[in-house]
Amino acid sequence: MVNVMLPRVNPKKDTFLSGESL
């Protein structure tokens, strides 16, 4: 739920949480 709401406010954080960028 947090992963879906975070990208809406900060698309950059969604990638950080997913671990795809890092």
C-alpha atoms as a PDB file:
ATOM      1  CA  MET A   1       0.000   0.000   0.000  1.00  0.00           C
ATOM      2  CA  VAL A   2       2.816   2.412   0.862  1.00  0.00           C
ATOM      3  CA  ASN A   3       4.705   1.470  -2.300  1.00  0.00           C
ATOM      4  CA  VAL A   4       1.699   2.485  -4.409  1.00  0.00           C
ATOM      5  CA  MET A   5       1.069   5.757  -2.573  1.00  0.00           C
ATOM      6  CA  LEU A   6       4.725   6.797  -2.463  1.00  0.00           C
ATOM      7  CA  PRO A   7       5.261   6.811  -6.259  1.00  0.00           C
ATOM      8  CA  ARG A   8       2.249   9.137  -6.586  1.00  0.00           C
ATOM      9  CA  VAL A   9       3.937  11.790  -4.416  1.00  0.00           C
ATOM     10  CA  ASN A  10       7.546  10.963  -5.307  1.00  0.00           C
ATOM     11  CA  PRO A  11       8.078   8.779  -8.381  1.00  0.00           C
ATOM     12  CA  LYS A  12      11.791   8.777  -7.572  1.00  0.00           C
ATOM     13  CA  LYS A  13      11.185   7.118  -4.191  1.00  0.00           C
ATOM     14  CA  ASP A  14       9.182   4.326  -5.851  1.00  0.00           C
ATOM     15  CA  THR A  15      12.321   3.272  -7.720  1.00  0.00           C
ATOM     16  CA  PHE A  16      14.415   3.518  -4.555  1.00  0.00           C
ATOM     17  CA  LEU A  17      11.952   1.351  -2.612  1.00  0.00           C
ATOM     18  CA  SER A  18      11.695  -1.129  -5.468  1.00  0.00           C
ATOM     19  CA  GLY A  19      15.503  -1.385  -5.490  1.00  0.00           C
ATOM     20  CA  GLU A  20      15.588  -1.223  -9.291  1.00  0.00           C
ATOM     21  CA  SER A  21      17.563   2.035  -9.492  1.00  0.00           C
ATOM     22  CA  LEU A  22      19.851   1.060  -6.619  1.00  0.00           C
END
